[in-house]
Amino acid sequence: MDSFNLANPVFTAYAIAASLMVLKIMGQGWITVYRMMKSDSGLATPEDLQAGMINKNPRPEQLEKNDYVDRSRRMHRNDLENIPAFLIAGLLFVLVNPDILWAQILFYGFVVARLLHSIAYATKQSHEVRATFYTIGSVIVIYMAIHVLIVILF
């Protein structure tokens, strides 16, 4: 367990990247809520139409798809599909004591790829642009997982 302490620079780099990615996931959820409140639409389920402190005037059309809200919801879902794999693979990667520079390149490279993916999504860039940033992040996670397996098995 010596690997999992802040005296280990690889773990510190992971902790920074992981914390940023957790904030990204949670922040995107809050952005979706903000967009729903701002547009007074894009609610997800019928029970959201119950009157309350925030939705004082519920209307059936609030359940209709709203791209402003749904885009943020899709970005959140995409984060939830990709960031947990990084959190797990990155933590396992720390255990195999990689070179610090290589670990930083991979950890921070993933963070940058996810942030650029989000910017591309938010600014309605083409699928090819988003896919480029997704691919970079995905290859990083796959590499870390394979690296861990190779170190353990060979």
C-alpha atoms as a PDB file:
ATOM      1  CA  MET A   1       0.000   0.000   0.000  1.00  0.00           C
ATOM      2  CA  ASP A   2       3.024   2.287  -0.134  1.00  0.00           C
ATOM      3  CA  SER A   3       1.899   3.138  -3.663  1.00  0.00           C
ATOM      4  CA  PHE A   4      -1.231   4.873  -2.380  1.00  0.00           C
ATOM      5  CA  ASN A   5       0.173   7.861  -0.541  1.00  0.00           C
ATOM      6  CA  LEU A   6       1.045  11.400  -1.519  1.00  0.00           C
ATOM      7  CA  ALA A   7       4.756  10.695  -1.064  1.00  0.00           C
ATOM      8  CA  ASN A   8       4.463   8.676  -4.288  1.00  0.00           C
ATOM      9  CA  PRO A   9       4.524  11.206  -7.158  1.00  0.00           C
ATOM     10  CA  VAL A  10       2.690   8.779  -9.462  1.00  0.00           C
ATOM     11  CA  PHE A  11      -0.169   8.533  -6.977  1.00  0.00           C
ATOM     12  CA  THR A  12      -0.166  12.312  -6.557  1.00  0.00           C
ATOM     13  CA  ALA A  13      -0.478  12.760 -10.329  1.00  0.00           C
ATOM     14  CA  TYR A  14      -3.297  10.195 -10.367  1.00  0.00           C
ATOM     15  CA  ALA A  15      -5.043  11.896  -7.439  1.00  0.00           C
ATOM     16  CA  ILE A  16      -4.963  15.235  -9.248  1.00  0.00           C
ATOM     17  CA  ALA A  17      -6.282  13.770 -12.517  1.00  0.00           C
ATOM     18  CA  ALA A  18      -8.903  11.634 -10.758  1.00  0.00           C
ATOM     19  CA  SER A  19     -10.125  14.583  -8.694  1.00  0.00           C
ATOM     20  CA  LEU A  20     -10.483  16.702 -11.820  1.00  0.00           C
ATOM     21  CA  MET A  21     -12.446  13.947 -13.530  1.00  0.00           C
ATOM     22  CA  VAL A  22     -14.754  13.463 -10.538  1.00  0.00           C
ATOM     23  CA  LEU A  23     -15.391  17.219 -10.573  1.00  0.00           C
ATOM     24  CA  LYS A  24     -16.087  16.971 -14.322  1.00  0.00           C
ATOM     25  CA  ILE A  25     -18.708  14.266 -13.804  1.00  0.00           C
ATOM     26  CA  MET A  26     -20.394  16.062 -10.933  1.00  0.00           C
ATOM     27  CA  GLY A  27     -20.146  19.468 -12.597  1.00  0.00           C
ATOM     28  CA  GLN A  28     -21.770  18.230 -15.797  1.00  0.00           C
ATOM     29  CA  GLY A  29     -24.723  16.987 -13.757  1.00  0.00           C
ATOM     30  CA  TRP A  30     -25.129  20.439 -12.233  1.00  0.00           C
ATOM     31  CA  ILE A  31     -24.839  22.061 -15.654  1.00  0.00           C
ATOM     32  CA  THR A  32     -27.716  19.875 -16.828  1.00  0.00           C
ATOM     33  CA  VAL A  33     -29.830  20.957 -13.844  1.00  0.00           C
ATOM     34  CA  TYR A  34     -28.960  24.596 -14.544  1.00  0.00           C
ATOM     35  CA  ARG A  35     -30.006  24.216 -18.180  1.00  0.00           C
ATOM     36  CA  MET A  36     -33.306  22.607 -17.179  1.00  0.00           C
ATOM     37  CA  MET A  37     -34.035  25.433 -14.767  1.00  0.00           C
ATOM     38  CA  LYS A  38     -32.941  28.149 -17.220  1.00  0.00           C
ATOM     39  CA  SER A  39     -35.065  26.782 -20.068  1.00  0.00           C
ATOM     40  CA  ASP A  40     -37.920  25.573 -17.825  1.00  0.00           C
ATOM     41  CA  SER A  41     -37.914  22.417 -19.954  1.00  0.00           C
ATOM     42  CA  GLY A  42     -36.124  19.182 -20.717  1.00  0.00           C
ATOM     43  CA  LEU A  43     -37.390  17.336 -17.665  1.00  0.00           C
ATOM     44  CA  ALA A  44     -36.706  13.607 -17.772  1.00  0.00           C
ATOM     45  CA  THR A  45     -39.579  11.769 -16.092  1.00  0.00           C
ATOM     46  CA  PRO A  46     -43.332  12.289 -15.546  1.00  0.00           C
ATOM     47  CA  GLU A  47     -42.905  12.676 -11.787  1.00  0.00           C
ATOM     48  CA  ASP A  48     -40.821  15.784 -12.530  1.00  0.00           C
ATOM     49  CA  LEU A  49     -44.123  17.488 -13.344  1.00  0.00           C
ATOM     50  CA  GLN A  50     -45.164  17.578  -9.709  1.00  0.00           C
ATOM     51  CA  ALA A  51     -45.408  21.135  -8.398  1.00  0.00           C
ATOM     52  CA  GLY A  52     -42.637  22.131  -6.019  1.00  0.00           C
ATOM     53  CA  MET A  53     -40.381  24.984  -4.942  1.00  0.00           C
ATOM     54  CA  ILE A  54     -38.439  24.915  -8.207  1.00  0.00           C
ATOM     55  CA  ASN A  55     -41.173  23.894 -10.646  1.00  0.00           C
ATOM     56  CA  LYS A  56     -44.075  26.039  -9.495  1.00  0.00           C
ATOM     57  CA  ASN A  57     -45.968  25.766 -12.794  1.00  0.00           C
ATOM     58  CA  PRO A  58     -45.528  22.218 -14.178  1.00  0.00           C
ATOM     59  CA  ARG A  59     -46.709  21.655 -17.753  1.00  0.00           C
ATOM     60  CA  PRO A  60     -46.675  18.513 -19.946  1.00  0.00           C
ATOM     61  CA  GLU A  61     -44.492  20.241 -22.573  1.00  0.00           C
ATOM     62  CA  GLN A  62     -41.686  20.404 -20.003  1.00  0.00           C
ATOM     63  CA  LEU A  63     -41.132  16.701 -20.754  1.00  0.00           C
ATOM     64  CA  GLU A  64     -40.514  17.353 -24.454  1.00  0.00           C
ATOM     65  CA  LYS A  65     -36.974  16.918 -25.700  1.00  0.00           C
ATOM     66  CA  ASN A  66     -34.930  20.114 -25.515  1.00  0.00           C
ATOM     67  CA  ASP A  67     -31.549  19.998 -27.261  1.00  0.00           C
ATOM     68  CA  TYR A  68     -30.069  22.633 -24.918  1.00  0.00           C
ATOM     69  CA  VAL A  69     -30.766  20.363 -21.938  1.00  0.00           C
ATOM     70  CA  ASP A  70     -30.368  17.046 -23.716  1.00  0.00           C
ATOM     71  CA  ARG A  71     -26.914  17.938 -25.072  1.00  0.00           C
ATOM     72  CA  SER A  72     -25.712  18.460 -21.506  1.00  0.00           C
ATOM     73  CA  ARG A  73     -27.413  15.228 -20.444  1.00  0.00           C
ATOM     74  CA  ARG A  74     -25.631  13.338 -23.254  1.00  0.00           C
ATOM     75  CA  MET A  75     -22.312  14.886 -22.230  1.00  0.00           C
ATOM     76  CA  HIS A  76     -22.947  13.739 -18.652  1.00  0.00           C
ATOM     77  CA  ARG A  77     -23.816  10.235 -19.804  1.00  0.00           C
ATOM     78  CA  ASN A  78     -20.668  10.147 -21.940  1.00  0.00           C
ATOM     79  CA  ASP A  79     -18.573  11.119 -18.911  1.00  0.00           C
ATOM     80  CA  LEU A  80     -20.270   8.381 -16.879  1.00  0.00           C
ATOM     81  CA  GLU A  81     -19.426   5.873 -19.609  1.00  0.00           C
ATOM     82  CA  ASN A  82     -15.753   6.824 -19.881  1.00  0.00           C
ATOM     83  CA  ILE A  83     -14.347   8.366 -16.720  1.00  0.00           C
ATOM     84  CA  PRO A  84     -14.961   5.396 -14.354  1.00  0.00           C
ATOM     85  CA  ALA A  85     -12.771   3.180 -16.562  1.00  0.00           C
ATOM     86  CA  PHE A  86      -9.993   5.770 -16.251  1.00  0.00           C
ATOM     87  CA  LEU A  87     -10.418   5.908 -12.475  1.00  0.00           C
ATOM     88  CA  ILE A  88     -10.021   2.139 -12.190  1.00  0.00           C
ATOM     89  CA  ALA A  89      -7.277   1.649 -14.799  1.00  0.00           C
ATOM     90  CA  GLY A  90      -5.356   4.644 -13.461  1.00  0.00           C
ATOM     91  CA  LEU A  91      -5.449   3.376  -9.900  1.00  0.00           C
ATOM     92  CA  LEU A  92      -4.223  -0.051 -11.013  1.00  0.00           C
ATOM     93  CA  PHE A  93      -1.542   1.671 -13.094  1.00  0.00           C
ATOM     94  CA  VAL A  94      -0.246   3.372  -9.937  1.00  0.00           C
ATOM     95  CA  LEU A  95       0.283  -0.081  -8.403  1.00  0.00           C
ATOM     96  CA  VAL A  96       2.772  -1.163 -11.071  1.00  0.00           C
ATOM     97  CA  ASN A  97       5.101   1.784 -10.367  1.00  0.00           C
ATOM     98  CA  PRO A  98       5.342   3.350 -13.823  1.00  0.00           C
ATOM     99  CA  ASP A  99       7.796   6.086 -14.683  1.00  0.00           C
ATOM    100  CA  ILE A 100       6.473   9.369 -13.275  1.00  0.00           C
ATOM    101  CA  LEU A 101       6.755  11.319 -16.534  1.00  0.00           C
ATOM    102  CA  TRP A 102       4.944   8.582 -18.459  1.00  0.00           C
ATOM    103  CA  ALA A 103       2.233   8.414 -15.791  1.00  0.00           C
ATOM    104  CA  GLN A 104       1.764  12.191 -15.902  1.00  0.00           C
ATOM    105  CA  ILE A 105       1.521  12.147 -19.698  1.00  0.00           C
ATOM    106  CA  LEU A 106      -1.150   9.443 -19.541  1.00  0.00           C
ATOM    107  CA  PHE A 107      -3.130  10.850 -16.600  1.00  0.00           C
ATOM    108  CA  TYR A 108      -3.101  14.463 -17.722  1.00  0.00           C
ATOM    109  CA  GLY A 109      -3.486  13.433 -21.355  1.00  0.00           C
ATOM    110  CA  PHE A 110      -6.739  11.719 -20.433  1.00  0.00           C
ATOM    111  CA  VAL A 111      -7.941  14.809 -18.568  1.00  0.00           C
ATOM    112  CA  VAL A 112      -7.142  17.066 -21.524  1.00  0.00           C
ATOM    113  CA  ALA A 113      -8.774  14.644 -23.991  1.00  0.00           C
ATOM    114  CA  ARG A 114     -11.980  14.546 -21.915  1.00  0.00           C
ATOM    115  CA  LEU A 115     -12.076  18.323 -21.554  1.00  0.00           C
ATOM    116  CA  LEU A 116     -11.531  18.809 -25.284  1.00  0.00           C
ATOM    117  CA  HIS A 117     -14.220  16.207 -25.982  1.00  0.00           C
ATOM    118  CA  SER A 118     -16.626  18.187 -23.807  1.00  0.00           C
ATOM    119  CA  ILE A 119     -15.770  21.458 -25.513  1.00  0.00           C
ATOM    120  CA  ALA A 120     -16.293  19.815 -28.913  1.00  0.00           C
ATOM    121  CA  TYR A 121     -19.650  18.438 -27.762  1.00  0.00           C
ATOM    122  CA  ALA A 122     -20.785  21.724 -26.217  1.00  0.00           C
ATOM    123  CA  THR A 123     -19.841  23.700 -29.338  1.00  0.00           C
ATOM    124  CA  LYS A 124     -21.562  21.203 -31.660  1.00  0.00           C
ATOM    125  CA  GLN A 125     -18.448  20.049 -33.480  1.00  0.00           C
ATOM    126  CA  SER A 126     -18.672  17.121 -35.881  1.00  0.00           C
ATOM    127  CA  HIS A 127     -18.652  13.542 -34.708  1.00  0.00           C
ATOM    128  CA  GLU A 128     -15.158  13.171 -36.170  1.00  0.00           C
ATOM    129  CA  VAL A 129     -13.822  15.920 -33.893  1.00  0.00           C
ATOM    130  CA  ARG A 130     -15.463  14.409 -30.801  1.00  0.00           C
ATOM    131  CA  ALA A 131     -14.344  10.927 -31.833  1.00  0.00           C
ATOM    132  CA  THR A 132     -10.740  12.090 -32.084  1.00  0.00           C
ATOM    133  CA  PHE A 133     -10.711  13.209 -28.447  1.00  0.00           C
ATOM    134  CA  TYR A 134     -12.683  10.133 -27.352  1.00  0.00           C
ATOM    135  CA  THR A 135     -10.140   7.923 -29.123  1.00  0.00           C
ATOM    136  CA  ILE A 136      -7.187   9.589 -27.405  1.00  0.00           C
ATOM    137  CA  GLY A 137      -8.775   9.056 -23.980  1.00  0.00           C
ATOM    138  CA  SER A 138      -9.848   5.533 -24.799  1.00  0.00           C
ATOM    139  CA  VAL A 139      -6.396   4.511 -26.044  1.00  0.00           C
ATOM    140  CA  ILE A 140      -4.863   5.881 -22.825  1.00  0.00           C
ATOM    141  CA  VAL A 141      -7.198   3.792 -20.659  1.00  0.00           C
ATOM    142  CA  ILE A 142      -6.685   0.678 -22.783  1.00  0.00           C
ATOM    143  CA  TYR A 143      -2.910   1.153 -22.687  1.00  0.00           C
ATOM    144  CA  MET A 144      -2.897   1.455 -18.885  1.00  0.00           C
ATOM    145  CA  ALA A 145      -5.009  -1.682 -18.486  1.00  0.00           C
ATOM    146  CA  ILE A 146      -2.798  -3.697 -20.841  1.00  0.00           C
ATOM    147  CA  HIS A 147       0.364  -2.344 -19.168  1.00  0.00           C
ATOM    148  CA  VAL A 148      -0.932  -3.522 -15.784  1.00  0.00           C
ATOM    149  CA  LEU A 149      -1.732  -6.981 -17.173  1.00  0.00           C
ATOM    150  CA  ILE A 150       1.697  -7.312 -18.756  1.00  0.00           C
ATOM    151  CA  VAL A 151       3.479  -6.313 -15.534  1.00  0.00           C
ATOM    152  CA  ILE A 152       1.384  -8.731 -13.474  1.00  0.00           C
ATOM    153  CA  LEU A 153       1.428 -11.694 -15.868  1.00  0.00           C
ATOM    154  CA  PHE A 154       4.971 -11.502 -17.190  1.00  0.00           C
END
